[in-house]
Protein backbone atom coordinates (compact mmCIF):
# COMPACT_ATOMS: atom_id res chain seq x y z
CA UNK A 1 14.81 7.45 -24.38
CA UNK A 2 14.31 5.17 -21.38
CA UNK A 3 15.64 6.46 -18.09
CA UNK A 4 18.47 4.63 -16.47
CA UNK A 5 19.32 4.41 -12.81
CA UNK A 6 16.80 6.07 -10.55
CA UNK A 7 13.24 5.08 -11.61
CA UNK A 8 11.98 8.51 -10.51
CA UNK A 9 14.25 10.31 -13.00
CA UNK A 10 12.26 12.62 -15.23
CA UNK A 11 9.07 12.32 -13.16
CA UNK A 12 8.81 16.08 -12.68
CA UNK A 13 9.11 16.76 -16.42
CA UNK A 14 6.45 14.17 -17.27
CA UNK A 15 4.11 15.58 -14.64
CA UNK A 16 4.51 19.13 -15.93
CA UNK A 17 3.78 17.96 -19.48
CA UNK A 18 0.73 16.00 -18.26
CA UNK A 19 -0.52 19.04 -16.33
CA UNK A 20 -0.30 21.01 -19.58
CA UNK A 21 -2.63 18.50 -21.23
CA UNK A 22 -0.09 16.15 -22.83
CA UNK A 23 -1.88 12.77 -22.80
CA UNK A 24 1.23 10.95 -24.00
CA UNK A 25 3.11 12.17 -20.93
CA UNK A 26 0.29 10.95 -18.70
CA UNK A 27 0.47 7.62 -20.53
CA UNK A 28 4.16 7.42 -19.65
CA UNK A 29 3.33 8.11 -16.02
CA UNK A 30 0.78 5.29 -16.21
CA UNK A 31 3.42 2.95 -17.65
CA UNK A 32 5.79 3.85 -14.82
CA UNK A 33 3.41 3.55 -11.90
CA UNK A 34 0.54 1.22 -12.88
CA UNK A 35 2.30 -1.82 -11.40
CA UNK A 36 3.11 0.09 -8.20
CA UNK A 37 -0.51 1.24 -7.80
CA UNK A 38 -1.90 -2.22 -8.64
CA UNK A 39 0.40 -4.00 -6.19
CA UNK A 40 -0.49 -1.58 -3.42
CA UNK A 41 -4.24 -1.88 -4.04
CA UNK A 42 -4.09 -5.66 -4.34
CA UNK A 43 -2.32 -5.91 -0.98
CA UNK A 44 -5.25 -4.06 0.58
CA UNK A 45 -8.23 -5.67 -1.17
CA UNK A 46 -6.82 -9.14 -1.95
CA UNK A 47 -8.87 -9.42 -5.15
CA UNK A 48 -7.35 -9.27 -8.63
CA UNK A 49 -10.43 -8.01 -10.45
CA UNK A 50 -11.10 -5.45 -7.76
CA UNK A 51 -7.46 -4.36 -7.82
CA UNK A 52 -7.56 -3.90 -11.59
CA UNK A 53 -10.74 -1.81 -11.36
CA UNK A 54 -9.37 0.29 -8.52
CA UNK A 55 -6.08 0.84 -10.35
CA UNK A 56 -8.03 2.13 -13.33
CA UNK A 57 -10.06 4.39 -11.02
CA UNK A 58 -6.84 5.65 -9.45
CA UNK A 59 -5.47 6.83 -12.77
CA UNK A 60 -8.83 8.22 -13.86
CA UNK A 61 -8.98 10.33 -10.70
CA UNK A 62 -5.35 11.35 -11.17
CA UNK A 63 -6.04 12.40 -14.76
CA UNK A 64 -9.07 14.44 -13.69
CA UNK A 65 -7.11 16.17 -10.93
CA UNK A 66 -3.63 16.48 -12.42
CA UNK A 67 -4.07 20.10 -13.45
CA UNK A 68 -4.53 20.87 -9.74
CA UNK A 69 -1.54 18.81 -8.63
CA UNK A 70 1.31 20.85 -7.17
CA UNK A 71 4.41 19.05 -5.98
CA UNK A 72 5.10 21.12 -2.84
CA UNK A 73 7.27 18.36 -1.41
CA UNK A 74 4.88 15.55 -2.40
CA UNK A 75 6.23 13.53 -5.36
CA UNK A 76 3.69 12.44 -7.96
CA UNK A 77 4.06 8.74 -7.06
CA UNK A 78 3.22 9.53 -3.42
CA UNK A 79 0.21 11.61 -4.48
CA UNK A 80 -0.89 8.71 -6.73
CA UNK A 81 -0.51 6.15 -3.93
CA UNK A 82 -2.58 8.36 -1.66
CA UNK A 83 -5.42 8.22 -4.22
CA UNK A 84 -4.98 4.44 -4.59
CA UNK A 85 -4.94 3.94 -0.82
CA UNK A 86 -8.14 5.93 -0.27
CA UNK A 87 -9.98 4.05 -3.03
CA UNK A 88 -8.72 0.67 -1.76
CA UNK A 89 -9.67 1.35 1.85
CA UNK A 90 -13.15 2.55 0.85
CA UNK A 91 -13.60 -0.57 -1.28
CA UNK A 92 -12.35 -2.85 1.50
CA UNK A 93 -14.63 -1.25 4.10
CA UNK A 94 -17.62 -1.45 1.78
CA UNK A 95 -16.97 -5.12 1.03
CA UNK A 96 -16.44 -5.91 4.71
CA UNK A 97 -19.73 -4.22 5.64
CA UNK A 98 -21.61 -6.16 2.96
CA UNK A 99 -20.09 -9.49 3.96
CA UNK A 100 -20.16 -9.12 7.73
CA UNK A 101 -22.21 -12.31 8.08
CA UNK A 102 -20.05 -14.42 5.77
CA UNK A 103 -17.32 -16.85 6.73
CA UNK A 104 -13.91 -15.33 6.32
CA UNK A 105 -11.00 -14.10 8.28
CA UNK A 106 -11.88 -12.42 11.52
CA UNK A 107 -10.78 -8.98 10.41
CA UNK A 108 -11.54 -9.31 6.70
CA UNK A 109 -7.83 -9.02 5.91
CA UNK A 110 -6.72 -10.04 2.43
CA UNK A 111 -4.61 -13.05 1.69
CA UNK A 112 -1.10 -12.05 0.64
CA UNK A 113 -0.34 -11.35 -3.01
CA UNK A 114 2.31 -13.29 -4.93
CA UNK A 115 4.30 -10.07 -5.23
CA UNK A 116 4.21 -9.63 -1.46
CA UNK A 117 5.47 -13.15 -0.87
CA UNK A 118 8.27 -12.74 -3.42
CA UNK A 119 9.39 -9.44 -1.90
CA UNK A 120 9.59 -10.98 1.55
CA UNK A 121 10.44 -14.61 0.82
CA UNK A 122 13.21 -14.56 3.42
CA UNK A 123 10.58 -14.13 6.11
CA UNK A 124 8.35 -16.84 4.75
CA UNK A 125 4.77 -17.14 3.65
CA UNK A 126 3.42 -17.34 7.18
CA UNK A 127 4.79 -13.92 8.12
CA UNK A 128 3.07 -12.25 5.19
CA UNK A 129 -0.14 -14.06 5.90
CA UNK A 130 0.12 -12.57 9.37
CA UNK A 131 0.59 -9.10 7.86
CA UNK A 132 -3.06 -9.34 6.84
CA UNK A 133 -3.95 -9.67 10.54
CA UNK A 134 -2.25 -6.42 11.49
CA UNK A 135 -4.34 -3.37 12.36
CA UNK A 136 -5.07 -1.21 9.30
CA UNK A 137 -2.43 1.49 9.74
CA UNK A 138 0.24 -1.06 10.69
CA UNK A 139 -0.53 -3.18 7.62
CA UNK A 140 -0.41 -0.05 5.44
CA UNK A 141 3.00 0.98 6.77
CA UNK A 142 4.45 -2.50 6.22
CA UNK A 143 3.13 -2.56 2.63
CA UNK A 144 4.29 0.97 1.83
CA UNK A 145 7.73 0.47 3.37
CA UNK A 146 8.62 -3.09 2.39
CA UNK A 147 6.53 -3.80 -0.71
CA UNK A 148 6.28 -0.36 -2.32
CA UNK A 149 9.76 0.59 -1.09
CA UNK A 150 8.85 4.10 0.07
CA UNK A 151 10.93 6.13 2.48
CA UNK A 152 9.62 7.14 5.90
CA UNK A 153 9.01 10.64 4.52
CA UNK A 154 6.98 9.33 1.57
CA UNK A 155 4.96 6.97 3.77
CA UNK A 156 4.20 9.90 6.07
CA UNK A 157 2.94 11.88 3.08
CA UNK A 158 0.72 9.02 1.88
CA UNK A 159 -0.80 8.42 5.31
CA UNK A 160 -0.96 12.07 6.38
CA UNK A 161 1.10 11.35 9.50
CA UNK A 162 4.41 12.57 10.87
CA UNK A 163 7.62 10.65 10.18
CA UNK A 164 7.87 9.93 13.90
CA UNK A 165 4.38 8.43 13.92
CA UNK A 166 5.25 6.22 10.93
CA UNK A 167 8.37 4.97 12.72
CA UNK A 168 6.31 4.12 15.82
CA UNK A 169 3.66 2.31 13.74
CA UNK A 170 6.33 0.33 11.90
CA UNK A 171 8.05 -0.59 15.18
CA UNK A 172 4.78 -1.84 16.67
CA UNK A 173 3.91 -3.79 13.52
CA UNK A 174 7.31 -5.47 13.38
CA UNK A 175 7.18 -6.18 17.12
CA UNK A 176 3.80 -7.88 16.66
CA UNK A 177 5.13 -9.98 13.79
CA UNK A 178 8.32 -10.84 15.69
CA UNK A 179 6.31 -11.89 18.73
CA UNK A 180 4.13 -14.11 16.56
CA UNK A 181 7.24 -15.72 15.07
CA UNK A 182 8.71 -16.38 18.51
CA UNK A 183 5.46 -17.84 19.81
CA UNK A 184 4.82 -19.92 16.70
CA UNK A 185 1.32 -18.45 16.59
CA UNK A 186 1.29 -17.04 13.08
CA UNK A 187 -2.20 -17.21 11.69
CA UNK A 188 -3.63 -17.91 15.15
CA UNK A 189 -2.93 -14.68 17.02
CA UNK A 190 -4.80 -11.42 16.52
CA UNK A 191 -2.12 -8.87 15.67
CA UNK A 192 -2.00 -5.13 15.54
CA UNK A 193 -2.78 -4.02 19.07
CA UNK A 194 0.89 -3.14 19.51
CA UNK A 195 1.14 -6.10 21.84
CA UNK A 196 0.34 -9.79 21.45
CA UNK A 197 -1.61 -11.79 23.97
CA UNK A 198 1.03 -14.21 25.19
CA UNK A 199 0.64 -16.95 27.71
CA UNK A 200 2.67 -15.92 30.72
């Protein structure tokens, strides 16, 4: 009964069954995408307990709204990640506002998850630590593209931007990371402005 090959095989059928009130089908969607949602949320908030809570909230909101979900070019997994992203960003902003006087990283960025480091081990731990220093939309694009494995089109749907804008954001994010690598300033340079302050 398990799908082989493409992990998205059968998604449409499961979604239609879930929309019709089939809780078992929704449970199968949960089994498919819980790890994806958790990993994405954890990369934003950097807190395991918070990520678990927000993942649960993501699926609760999805369950409450699934009868109103219409694909219209937006796959279910992209719709789900959009919910997860909004919850994670709200949580991160709220936590940052409450801890503005505490010691921490300058921009409140999370430390990298083990999953993130494994996915990008060829670049090294320092690069992914630096991902946390990227501006919000740049960090999101890097996570969605290289951790979640989404296409440009899917990332554009999650972020509500054009594909061209996503490509530009990714280019700037990678340029910032590349510049930090060349300068040997990972962890010491504020990233995300599209340009690094380099000593001329």
